[in-house]
Amino acid sequence: MPSTPAKKRQRPPPAPSSTAEASGVPLHALLEGLPDAFFTLDAQWRFTYVSPRMAELLDGAANLGDDVRLACSSLLGLGEHLRFEQPSTQQAATRFEHDWPGGDLSFDVRARVVHGGLLVHCRDISGERRAKEELRRTSEVFRAVHEGTTDAIYTKDLEGRYQHINAAGARAVGRTVEEVLGRTDPELFSAEVARNNAANDREVLAFGRTITYEDTQPGEDGPRVWLSTKGVLRDANGKVVGLFGISRDITQRKWAEEEARRHSEFQEQLMGIVSHDIRSPLGAIMNWSRVMAEAGTAEDARRTSQRIATAAVRIERLTRLLLDFTRTRLMGGVAIEPRPVDLKDLVARVAHEFRVAYPERTIEVEQKGNTQGMWDPDRLGQVASNLLENALKFGPPDSPVRLVTHAARGNKVALEVCNGGRPIPAHLVPHLFEPFRSGPQTTRTLKMSYGLGLYIVREIVQAHGGAIEVTSTEEDGTRFTVTLPRRSLPARPPGQPSPRVPRSEPR
């Protein structure tokens, strides 16, 4: 039987050498070159190795062979995390952060058992700590600004969902932060507002740029003006992931700008009136006074005296209008003092005064029903006088002017002043009650109209809680209708009101 050859006995492969040994670099040299601080302890807590960085930190406080518990018991706060009463080889692995005493260094400390002792490794995290602290302070500043500002600050994703909004922004839309987050404009706002928001968002995302614009939005109590800035949000790779928006409510600022413009306009108009309309009758008075001083007949003196009186009346009327106009602009309305009045008696008295002043004109007065109430008789006399004077001024000389007082529905009383003649052009009707605006001028009325009378009339009527309307047609002529509640509150109008600030949405 042939013999089977014996298998060759194989030697076990040699143990792999370490990287340091393979490269010819001693392990000790690698340890000496590490930037971290570390050391090893034997089972009796004696130093067996201290890295150069740790030796630098210890600064001679301990040497090899010293018991760490005796040489530097507070080192790295080890006593708080390790049990010194037991051998170091029986300690559980632990990790903690420690601030080096007397400096601004911080370490991430790890301790674990190794063969024959304990390895304590300290990684310097001072830079990380400072970066985290700086980030924390920056975050606190941002949070304080974010929550303390009255501006609306928000972000949206590419689908238009609100990812973030501050409390001021949520209040601006009349909701809480939780009610806004995750929702889109069509879910929060009206269709018109949502469309406008979407158009602005598309522009920002399409061009990838930041835009700033003013926008007026409708609200429950009136318009609201926003100054908005929008821009894109990008991730770390520069990809657009959404947009941000910052919106500031500038309603009051726009109101103030408009008031300043109106005030400047008023000053210019006032100077024009003072320099022209008052100077003209004053010049007439001076001229006719010199004529009167010269020799002449009694009839000449009478006519000159009448002309002087007419010029003085023009100045008095204009001065009264300017005073009333100034009061309404500065005080926000007309002050009234209501007391019992019968409107028919008041109108009859005004009609009598004008019949004396205009003996050649026909003034008819008509009364229907109960016309008693609580009003300011002086102010309502001013209303009746201004409306009657306008009717005489703009109506044909041969056409009568009618004043009608009557009870109206809703426990109200009405006054109508009617005159014939050409109707007021339709484009002028909406502006008749604006200051320094007047009806159609003729040669006869050009020097008699200042555009303030109807404005004062409207302010007086509104102070009584009433309303005034005008209709003007070729067939029926022109009719001003004043409607008053029977009782008007004796309240002085407040100062200039603040602009209305309705709820709206950030843009």
Protein backbone atom coordinates (compact mmCIF):
# COMPACT_ATOMS: atom_id res chain seq x y z
CA MET A 1 0.00 0.00 0.00
CA PRO A 2 1.60 3.19 -1.06
CA SER A 3 2.38 5.59 1.73
CA THR A 4 0.72 9.00 1.91
CA PRO A 5 3.18 11.85 2.05
CA ALA A 6 3.00 13.86 5.30
CA LYS A 7 1.63 17.40 5.10
CA LYS A 8 4.14 20.13 5.55
CA ARG A 9 3.78 21.87 8.90
CA GLN A 10 3.03 25.58 8.43
CA ARG A 11 4.34 28.27 10.74
CA PRO A 12 1.88 30.83 12.12
CA PRO A 13 2.05 34.21 10.35
CA PRO A 14 4.13 36.83 12.11
CA ALA A 15 2.19 39.37 14.19
CA PRO A 16 1.59 42.55 12.25
CA SER A 17 3.86 45.33 13.25
CA SER A 18 2.47 48.70 14.35
CA THR A 19 2.20 51.58 11.91
CA ALA A 20 4.87 53.43 13.83
CA GLU A 21 7.23 50.45 13.73
CA ALA A 22 6.45 49.77 10.06
CA SER A 23 7.32 53.34 9.22
CA GLY A 24 10.38 53.29 11.41
CA VAL A 25 8.94 55.91 13.81
CA PRO A 26 8.99 54.92 17.51
CA LEU A 27 5.60 54.99 19.27
CA HIS A 28 7.10 57.23 21.94
CA ALA A 29 7.95 59.85 19.31
CA LEU A 30 4.34 59.84 18.06
CA LEU A 31 2.98 60.36 21.57
CA GLU A 32 5.38 63.22 22.14
CA GLY A 33 4.15 64.92 18.98
CA LEU A 34 0.43 64.83 19.75
CA PRO A 35 -1.06 68.27 20.53
CA ASP A 36 -3.54 66.91 23.08
CA ALA A 37 -2.82 66.73 26.80
CA PHE A 38 -2.97 63.27 28.38
CA PHE A 39 -1.35 61.11 31.03
CA THR A 40 -1.48 57.59 32.39
CA LEU A 41 -1.73 56.33 35.97
CA ASP A 42 -0.94 52.94 37.42
CA ALA A 43 -3.31 51.03 39.66
CA GLN A 44 -2.10 53.04 42.69
CA TRP A 45 -2.84 56.36 40.99
CA ARG A 46 0.82 57.14 40.30
CA PHE A 47 1.86 59.00 37.15
CA THR A 48 3.47 56.65 34.65
CA TYR A 49 3.43 58.97 31.63
CA VAL A 50 2.73 62.69 31.07
CA SER A 51 2.49 64.16 27.58
CA PRO A 52 4.40 67.37 26.79
CA ARG A 53 1.19 69.42 26.64
CA MET A 54 0.00 68.10 30.00
CA ALA A 55 3.44 68.73 31.52
CA GLU A 56 3.16 72.31 30.28
CA LEU A 57 -0.23 72.65 31.96
CA LEU A 58 0.99 71.09 35.24
CA ASP A 59 3.98 73.43 35.29
CA GLY A 60 6.00 71.26 37.69
CA ALA A 61 3.09 70.48 40.03
CA ALA A 62 3.61 66.71 39.56
CA ASN A 63 6.32 64.32 38.30
CA LEU A 64 6.41 60.72 37.19
CA GLY A 65 5.79 58.40 40.14
CA ASP A 66 3.81 61.02 42.12
CA ASP A 67 0.39 60.05 43.45
CA VAL A 68 -2.13 62.21 41.67
CA ARG A 69 -4.32 62.25 44.79
CA LEU A 70 -1.51 63.85 46.81
CA ALA A 71 0.33 65.95 44.23
CA CYS A 72 -2.64 67.59 42.59
CA SER A 73 -5.91 66.25 43.92
CA SER A 74 -8.00 68.88 42.11
CA LEU A 75 -6.43 68.16 38.70
CA LEU A 76 -9.19 68.30 36.09
CA GLY A 77 -11.76 67.72 38.84
CA LEU A 78 -11.00 64.01 38.74
CA GLY A 79 -12.12 63.56 42.33
CA GLU A 80 -15.65 64.57 41.32
CA HIS A 81 -15.89 61.91 38.60
CA LEU A 82 -13.60 59.08 39.82
CA ARG A 83 -13.50 57.07 43.06
CA PHE A 84 -10.05 57.70 44.51
CA GLU A 85 -10.61 55.17 47.31
CA GLN A 86 -10.52 52.34 44.77
CA PRO A 87 -7.67 51.36 42.42
CA SER A 88 -7.60 53.22 39.13
CA THR A 89 -8.03 49.94 37.26
CA GLN A 90 -11.50 49.54 38.76
CA GLN A 91 -12.90 52.86 37.51
CA ALA A 92 -15.79 53.11 35.08
CA ALA A 93 -15.18 55.02 31.85
CA THR A 94 -16.28 58.64 32.15
CA ARG A 95 -16.39 61.81 30.07
CA PHE A 96 -16.90 65.43 31.13
CA GLU A 97 -15.93 69.00 30.35
CA HIS A 98 -13.62 70.95 32.63
CA ASP A 99 -12.46 74.58 32.80
CA TRP A 100 -8.77 74.85 33.68
CA PRO A 101 -8.38 77.05 36.78
CA GLY A 102 -6.81 80.45 36.38
CA GLY A 103 -7.22 80.69 32.61
CA ASP A 104 -9.64 80.61 29.71
CA LEU A 105 -8.92 77.01 28.72
CA SER A 106 -11.57 74.32 28.55
CA PHE A 107 -11.10 70.59 28.00
CA ASP A 108 -13.15 67.62 26.96
CA VAL A 109 -11.86 65.02 29.46
CA ARG A 110 -12.12 61.27 28.90
CA ALA A 111 -10.91 58.67 31.42
CA ARG A 112 -10.86 54.92 30.74
CA VAL A 113 -9.05 51.90 32.07
CA VAL A 114 -6.13 50.54 30.01
CA HIS A 115 -3.78 47.65 30.62
CA GLY A 116 -2.34 48.11 34.09
CA GLY A 117 -3.74 51.52 34.82
CA LEU A 118 -5.88 54.50 33.72
CA LEU A 119 -5.60 56.76 30.66
CA VAL A 120 -6.83 60.35 31.02
CA HIS A 121 -7.14 62.23 27.71
CA CYS A 122 -7.84 65.97 27.51
CA ARG A 123 -8.89 67.60 24.24
CA ASP A 124 -8.71 71.39 24.18
CA ILE A 125 -12.21 72.73 23.36
CA SER A 126 -11.54 76.35 24.28
CA GLY A 127 -12.05 77.52 20.70
CA GLU A 128 -15.26 75.53 20.40
CA ARG A 129 -16.49 76.98 23.70
CA ARG A 130 -15.76 80.52 22.55
CA ALA A 131 -17.49 79.88 19.22
CA LYS A 132 -20.53 78.44 21.00
CA GLU A 133 -20.62 81.37 23.41
CA GLU A 134 -20.38 83.83 20.56
CA LEU A 135 -23.15 81.99 18.77
CA ARG A 136 -25.23 82.04 21.94
CA ARG A 137 -24.75 85.79 22.39
CA THR A 138 -25.53 86.40 18.74
CA SER A 139 -28.63 84.25 19.02
CA GLU A 140 -29.75 86.17 22.12
CA VAL A 141 -29.28 89.49 20.34
CA PHE A 142 -31.17 88.21 17.32
CA ARG A 143 -33.93 86.85 19.53
CA ALA A 144 -34.22 90.13 21.41
CA VAL A 145 -34.41 92.11 18.16
CA HIS A 146 -36.71 89.54 16.59
CA GLU A 147 -39.22 89.59 19.42
CA GLY A 148 -38.74 93.21 20.46
CA THR A 149 -39.21 94.85 17.07
CA THR A 150 -42.59 96.08 15.89
CA ASP A 151 -41.68 95.05 12.34
CA ALA A 152 -43.11 91.83 10.93
CA ILE A 153 -40.33 89.29 10.23
CA TYR A 154 -41.12 86.03 8.49
CA THR A 155 -39.84 83.32 6.13
CA LYS A 156 -41.58 81.13 3.57
CA ASP A 157 -40.59 77.94 1.77
CA LEU A 158 -40.81 77.51 -2.00
CA GLU A 159 -44.47 76.42 -1.69
CA GLY A 160 -45.34 79.68 0.08
CA ARG A 161 -45.85 78.14 3.52
CA TYR A 162 -44.84 80.30 6.45
CA GLN A 163 -41.89 78.59 8.13
CA HIS A 164 -41.26 81.33 10.65
CA ILE A 165 -42.93 84.54 11.84
CA ASN A 166 -42.36 86.71 14.90
CA ALA A 167 -45.03 87.80 17.36
CA ALA A 168 -45.32 91.27 15.81
CA GLY A 169 -45.97 89.77 12.39
CA ALA A 170 -48.62 87.44 13.77
CA ARG A 171 -50.33 90.32 15.61
CA ALA A 172 -50.37 92.34 12.39
CA VAL A 173 -52.58 89.71 10.78
CA GLY A 174 -54.73 89.27 13.87
CA ARG A 175 -53.48 85.75 14.60
CA THR A 176 -51.08 83.87 16.84
CA VAL A 177 -47.71 82.57 15.66
CA GLU A 178 -49.03 79.00 15.81
CA GLU A 179 -52.00 79.90 13.59
CA VAL A 180 -49.70 81.27 10.88
CA LEU A 181 -46.92 78.67 10.76
CA GLY A 182 -47.31 76.05 8.05
CA ARG A 183 -50.08 77.92 6.26
CA THR A 184 -50.09 79.82 2.97
CA ASP A 185 -51.38 83.28 2.02
CA PRO A 186 -54.61 81.95 0.42
CA GLU A 187 -55.36 80.19 3.70
CA LEU A 188 -54.78 83.32 5.77
CA PHE A 189 -55.84 86.33 3.68
CA SER A 190 -58.38 87.49 1.14
CA ALA A 191 -58.01 86.43 -2.49
CA GLU A 192 -56.86 89.91 -3.56
CA VAL A 193 -54.17 90.15 -0.88
CA ALA A 194 -53.02 86.59 -1.52
CA ARG A 195 -52.63 87.34 -5.25
CA ASN A 196 -50.58 90.47 -4.54
CA ASN A 197 -48.35 88.57 -2.10
CA ALA A 198 -47.84 85.76 -4.60
CA ALA A 199 -46.88 88.24 -7.35
CA ASN A 200 -44.22 89.85 -5.14
CA ASP A 201 -42.91 86.44 -4.06
CA ARG A 202 -42.60 85.26 -7.66
CA GLU A 203 -40.57 88.34 -8.57
CA VAL A 204 -38.15 87.75 -5.70
CA LEU A 205 -37.70 84.06 -6.49
CA ALA A 206 -37.50 84.55 -10.26
CA PHE A 207 -34.71 87.11 -10.15
CA GLY A 208 -33.05 85.95 -6.92
CA ARG A 209 -32.66 89.48 -5.64
CA THR A 210 -33.80 91.57 -2.68
CA ILE A 211 -36.50 94.17 -3.35
CA THR A 212 -38.01 96.94 -1.23
CA TYR A 213 -41.38 98.49 -1.97
CA GLU A 214 -44.38 100.26 -0.45
CA ASP A 215 -47.75 98.59 -0.57
CA THR A 216 -51.23 99.61 0.54
CA GLN A 217 -53.54 96.85 1.70
CA PRO A 218 -57.26 96.94 2.47
CA GLY A 219 -58.26 96.40 6.08
CA GLU A 220 -61.40 96.15 8.15
CA ASP A 221 -61.26 99.83 9.14
CA GLY A 222 -59.37 101.35 6.23
CA PRO A 223 -56.13 101.05 4.28
CA ARG A 224 -52.79 100.21 5.84
CA VAL A 225 -49.42 101.03 4.29
CA TRP A 226 -46.40 98.74 4.57
CA LEU A 227 -42.75 99.25 3.66
CA SER A 228 -41.56 95.74 2.82
CA THR A 229 -38.22 94.14 2.00
CA LYS A 230 -38.08 90.63 0.54
CA GLY A 231 -35.17 88.44 -0.52
CA VAL A 232 -34.23 84.81 -1.18
CA LEU A 233 -32.99 82.26 1.36
CA ARG A 234 -30.20 79.90 0.26
CA ASP A 235 -28.78 76.75 1.81
CA ALA A 236 -25.07 76.03 2.36
CA ASN A 237 -24.69 75.06 -1.29
CA GLY A 238 -26.26 78.29 -2.57
CA LYS A 239 -29.53 76.68 -3.61
CA VAL A 240 -32.66 78.82 -3.15
CA VAL A 241 -34.87 77.22 -0.50
CA GLY A 242 -37.34 80.02 0.23
CA LEU A 243 -37.61 83.72 0.95
CA PHE A 244 -37.59 86.12 3.88
CA GLY A 245 -39.62 89.25 4.45
CA ILE A 246 -39.44 92.26 6.75
CA SER A 247 -42.46 94.58 6.75
CA ARG A 248 -42.81 97.87 8.62
CA ASP A 249 -46.14 99.59 9.18
CA ILE A 250 -45.68 103.15 7.87
CA THR A 251 -49.34 104.14 7.94
CA GLN A 252 -48.75 106.90 10.48
CA ARG A 253 -45.68 108.14 8.64
CA LYS A 254 -47.61 108.36 5.37
CA TRP A 255 -50.43 110.10 7.19
CA ALA A 256 -47.96 112.59 8.67
CA GLU A 257 -46.43 113.21 5.25
CA GLU A 258 -49.87 113.83 3.80
CA GLU A 259 -50.73 116.19 6.64
CA ALA A 260 -47.47 118.08 6.11
CA ARG A 261 -48.25 118.37 2.41
CA ARG A 262 -51.76 119.61 3.12
CA HIS A 263 -50.43 122.05 5.71
CA SER A 264 -47.94 123.46 3.20
CA GLU A 265 -50.70 123.68 0.61
CA PHE A 266 -52.92 125.45 3.11
CA GLN A 267 -50.20 127.99 3.89
CA GLU A 268 -49.77 128.76 0.20
CA GLN A 269 -53.52 129.13 -0.27
CA LEU A 270 -53.83 131.29 2.81
CA MET A 271 -51.05 133.58 1.66
CA GLY A 272 -52.74 133.89 -1.71
CA ILE A 273 -56.01 134.89 -0.07
CA VAL A 274 -54.39 137.35 2.31
CA SER A 275 -52.26 138.92 -0.41
CA HIS A 276 -55.02 139.20 -3.01
CA ASP A 277 -58.56 138.77 -1.71
CA ILE A 278 -58.11 140.84 1.43
CA ARG A 279 -55.81 143.43 -0.14
CA SER A 280 -58.36 144.09 -2.89
CA PRO A 281 -61.24 145.27 -0.65
CA LEU A 282 -58.80 147.06 1.63
CA GLY A 283 -57.56 148.99 -1.38
CA ALA A 284 -61.16 149.82 -2.30
CA ILE A 285 -61.83 151.14 1.20
CA MET A 286 -58.73 153.34 1.06
CA ASN A 287 -59.60 154.68 -2.40
CA TRP A 288 -63.23 155.43 -1.60
CA SER A 289 -62.20 157.02 1.70
CA ARG A 290 -60.05 159.51 -0.25
CA VAL A 291 -63.02 160.20 -2.57
CA MET A 292 -65.27 160.82 0.42
CA ALA A 293 -62.71 163.20 1.88
CA GLU A 294 -63.01 165.36 -1.21
CA ALA A 295 -65.85 167.79 -1.73
CA GLY A 296 -69.03 166.25 -3.17
CA THR A 297 -72.78 166.05 -2.86
CA ALA A 298 -74.62 164.18 -0.13
CA GLU A 299 -75.67 161.55 -2.69
CA ASP A 300 -72.04 160.99 -3.68
CA ALA A 301 -71.10 160.57 -0.04
CA ARG A 302 -73.95 158.08 0.47
CA ARG A 303 -72.89 155.95 -2.50
CA THR A 304 -69.23 156.07 -1.44
CA SER A 305 -70.17 155.06 2.11
CA GLN A 306 -72.18 152.13 0.75
CA ARG A 307 -69.22 150.96 -1.33
CA ILE A 308 -66.92 151.16 1.70
CA ALA A 309 -69.41 149.13 3.75
CA THR A 310 -69.62 146.49 1.02
CA ALA A 311 -65.84 146.14 0.94
CA ALA A 312 -65.73 145.88 4.73
CA VAL A 313 -68.39 143.14 4.66
CA ARG A 314 -66.26 141.20 2.19
CA ILE A 315 -63.28 141.40 4.55
CA GLU A 316 -65.41 140.42 7.56
CA ARG A 317 -66.91 137.42 5.75
CA LEU A 318 -63.54 136.22 4.50
CA THR A 319 -61.99 136.64 7.95
CA ARG A 320 -64.81 134.60 9.51
CA LEU A 321 -64.39 131.84 6.93
CA LEU A 322 -60.63 131.70 7.46
CA LEU A 323 -61.04 131.52 11.24
CA ASP A 324 -63.56 128.68 10.96
CA PHE A 325 -61.38 126.88 8.45
CA THR A 326 -58.31 127.18 10.68
CA ARG A 327 -60.26 125.87 13.69
CA THR A 328 -61.47 122.83 11.78
CA ARG A 329 -57.98 122.02 10.53
CA LEU A 330 -56.22 122.49 13.88
CA MET A 331 -58.91 121.09 16.19
CA GLY A 332 -60.23 118.33 13.94
CA GLY A 333 -63.78 119.70 13.80
CA VAL A 334 -66.20 122.42 14.87
CA ALA A 335 -67.20 122.96 18.50
CA ILE A 336 -70.96 123.20 19.06
CA GLU A 337 -73.17 124.15 22.02
CA PRO A 338 -76.62 122.59 21.44
CA ARG A 339 -79.76 124.03 23.00
CA PRO A 340 -83.49 123.91 22.10
CA VAL A 341 -84.08 125.43 18.65
CA ASP A 342 -86.95 125.50 16.17
CA LEU A 343 -85.34 125.25 12.75
CA LYS A 344 -88.22 127.03 10.99
CA ASP A 345 -87.79 130.12 13.18
CA LEU A 346 -84.03 130.14 12.61
CA VAL A 347 -84.46 129.84 8.84
CA ALA A 348 -87.15 132.54 8.80
CA ARG A 349 -84.79 134.94 10.57
CA VAL A 350 -81.97 134.24 8.10
CA ALA A 351 -84.34 134.70 5.16
CA HIS A 352 -85.46 138.08 6.54
CA GLU A 353 -81.85 139.28 6.83
CA PHE A 354 -81.14 138.36 3.20
CA ARG A 355 -84.36 139.95 1.97
CA VAL A 356 -83.11 143.21 3.46
CA ALA A 357 -79.65 142.74 1.91
CA TYR A 358 -81.05 141.60 -1.46
CA PRO A 359 -84.35 143.50 -1.87
CA GLU A 360 -84.44 142.72 -5.59
CA ARG A 361 -84.42 138.92 -5.03
CA THR A 362 -87.32 136.59 -4.18
CA ILE A 363 -86.72 134.32 -1.16
CA GLU A 364 -89.46 131.82 -0.33
CA VAL A 365 -89.71 129.96 3.00
CA GLU A 366 -91.79 126.80 3.56
CA GLN A 367 -92.25 124.71 6.70
CA LYS A 368 -93.73 121.21 7.16
CA GLY A 369 -94.22 119.31 10.41
CA ASN A 370 -92.31 119.51 13.69
CA THR A 371 -88.90 121.15 13.17
CA GLN A 372 -87.77 121.44 16.79
CA GLY A 373 -84.52 119.95 18.11
CA MET A 374 -81.32 120.39 20.13
CA TRP A 375 -78.74 122.21 17.99
CA ASP A 376 -76.32 125.10 18.08
CA PRO A 377 -78.43 128.01 16.69
CA ASP A 378 -75.43 130.18 15.83
CA ARG A 379 -73.75 127.42 13.84
CA LEU A 380 -76.96 126.38 12.09
CA GLY A 381 -77.60 130.03 11.26
CA GLN A 382 -74.17 130.01 9.61
CA VAL A 383 -75.18 126.90 7.61
CA ALA A 384 -78.43 128.46 6.43
CA SER A 385 -76.70 131.76 5.59
CA ASN A 386 -73.92 130.13 3.55
CA LEU A 387 -76.33 127.93 1.60
CA LEU A 388 -78.73 130.81 0.96
CA GLU A 389 -75.91 133.11 -0.10
CA ASN A 390 -74.65 130.45 -2.51
CA ALA A 391 -78.14 130.03 -3.97
CA LEU A 392 -78.49 133.78 -4.50
CA LYS A 393 -75.00 134.00 -5.92
CA PHE A 394 -75.26 131.18 -8.46
CA GLY A 395 -78.98 131.25 -9.23
CA PRO A 396 -80.46 133.55 -11.96
CA PRO A 397 -81.46 137.00 -10.59
CA ASP A 398 -85.06 136.51 -11.77
CA SER A 399 -85.40 133.02 -10.23
CA PRO A 400 -86.69 132.58 -6.63
CA VAL A 401 -84.70 130.79 -3.96
CA ARG A 402 -86.64 128.36 -1.74
CA LEU A 403 -85.88 127.33 1.83
CA VAL A 404 -87.87 124.33 3.09
CA THR A 405 -87.75 122.88 6.61
CA HIS A 406 -89.57 119.64 7.39
CA ALA A 407 -89.53 116.55 9.59
CA ALA A 408 -87.68 113.56 8.18
CA ARG A 409 -87.67 109.84 8.85
CA GLY A 410 -85.72 108.43 11.74
CA ASN A 411 -86.51 111.27 14.17
CA LYS A 412 -84.62 113.78 12.05
CA VAL A 413 -85.21 117.25 10.64
CA ALA A 414 -84.20 118.45 7.18
CA LEU A 415 -83.41 121.80 5.58
CA GLU A 416 -83.52 122.18 1.80
CA VAL A 417 -82.15 125.18 -0.10
CA CYS A 418 -83.13 125.23 -3.77
CA ASN A 419 -82.32 127.55 -6.67
CA GLY A 420 -82.82 127.40 -10.42
CA GLY A 421 -80.33 128.03 -13.19
CA ARG A 422 -77.65 126.00 -14.87
CA PRO A 423 -76.75 122.76 -13.07
CA ILE A 424 -73.41 122.22 -11.39
CA PRO A 425 -71.11 120.25 -13.74
CA ALA A 426 -71.04 116.59 -12.73
CA HIS A 427 -67.24 116.56 -12.37
CA LEU A 428 -67.41 119.34 -9.74
CA VAL A 429 -70.09 117.79 -7.52
CA PRO A 430 -67.79 115.32 -5.66
CA HIS A 431 -65.41 118.18 -4.78
CA LEU A 432 -67.88 120.91 -3.74
CA PHE A 433 -67.25 120.41 -0.01
CA GLU A 434 -63.47 120.43 -0.25
CA PRO A 435 -61.65 123.57 0.95
CA PHE A 436 -60.70 126.11 -1.71
CA ARG A 437 -62.98 124.39 -4.22
CA SER A 438 -66.08 126.15 -5.49
CA GLY A 439 -68.83 125.79 -8.04
CA PRO A 440 -68.81 127.12 -11.60
CA GLN A 441 -67.68 130.74 -11.72
CA THR A 442 -69.18 133.59 -13.67
CA THR A 443 -68.16 137.19 -13.99
CA ARG A 444 -70.72 137.98 -11.32
CA THR A 445 -69.45 135.42 -8.79
CA LEU A 446 -65.71 135.25 -9.47
CA LYS A 447 -64.68 137.79 -6.81
CA MET A 448 -67.25 136.55 -4.28
CA SER A 449 -66.17 132.90 -3.94
CA TYR A 450 -63.31 131.66 -1.80
CA GLY A 451 -64.14 127.95 -1.85
CA LEU A 452 -64.50 127.75 1.95
CA GLY A 453 -68.21 128.26 2.58
CA LEU A 454 -69.42 124.76 1.71
CA TYR A 455 -66.48 123.19 3.49
CA ILE A 456 -67.44 125.02 6.71
CA VAL A 457 -71.09 124.03 6.18
CA ARG A 458 -70.19 120.37 5.95
CA GLU A 459 -68.01 120.55 9.07
CA ILE A 460 -70.82 122.18 11.08
CA VAL A 461 -73.39 119.64 9.89
CA GLN A 462 -71.10 116.72 10.72
CA ALA A 463 -70.40 118.19 14.16
CA HIS A 464 -74.15 117.91 14.76
CA GLY A 465 -74.10 114.28 13.65
CA GLY A 466 -75.90 115.14 10.41
CA ALA A 467 -75.27 114.86 6.69
CA ILE A 468 -75.46 117.14 3.65
CA GLU A 469 -76.19 116.15 0.05
CA VAL A 470 -76.49 118.01 -3.24
CA THR A 471 -78.39 117.28 -6.44
CA SER A 472 -78.23 119.45 -9.55
CA THR A 473 -80.12 118.94 -12.82
CA GLU A 474 -81.28 121.10 -15.69
CA GLU A 475 -84.96 120.37 -14.90
CA ASP A 476 -85.04 120.75 -11.11
CA GLY A 477 -82.13 123.12 -10.53
CA THR A 478 -79.74 122.76 -7.59
CA ARG A 479 -80.84 121.44 -4.19
CA PHE A 480 -78.73 121.24 -1.01
CA THR A 481 -80.31 118.99 1.66
CA VAL A 482 -79.13 119.10 5.29
CA THR A 483 -80.41 116.27 7.54
CA LEU A 484 -79.96 116.58 11.31
CA PRO A 485 -80.78 114.30 14.25
CA ARG A 486 -83.16 116.02 16.64
CA ARG A 487 -80.60 115.84 19.44
CA SER A 488 -76.93 116.62 18.91
CA LEU A 489 -74.39 115.78 21.58
CA PRO A 490 -72.79 118.84 23.24
CA ALA A 491 -69.30 117.45 22.75
CA ARG A 492 -66.30 119.38 21.59
CA PRO A 493 -64.53 117.61 18.76
CA PRO A 494 -61.27 115.89 19.69
CA GLY A 495 -57.89 116.98 18.46
CA GLN A 496 -56.50 115.74 15.20
CA PRO A 497 -57.42 112.04 15.14
CA SER A 498 -54.83 109.36 14.74
CA PRO A 499 -54.83 107.48 11.44
CA ARG A 500 -56.82 104.27 11.46
CA VAL A 501 -54.65 101.21 11.76
CA PRO A 502 -56.64 98.16 10.66
CA ARG A 503 -55.52 94.62 10.93
CA SER A 504 -53.68 93.49 7.88
CA GLU A 505 -50.95 91.13 6.81
CA PRO A 506 -47.19 91.43 6.40
CA ARG A 507 -46.07 91.76 2.83
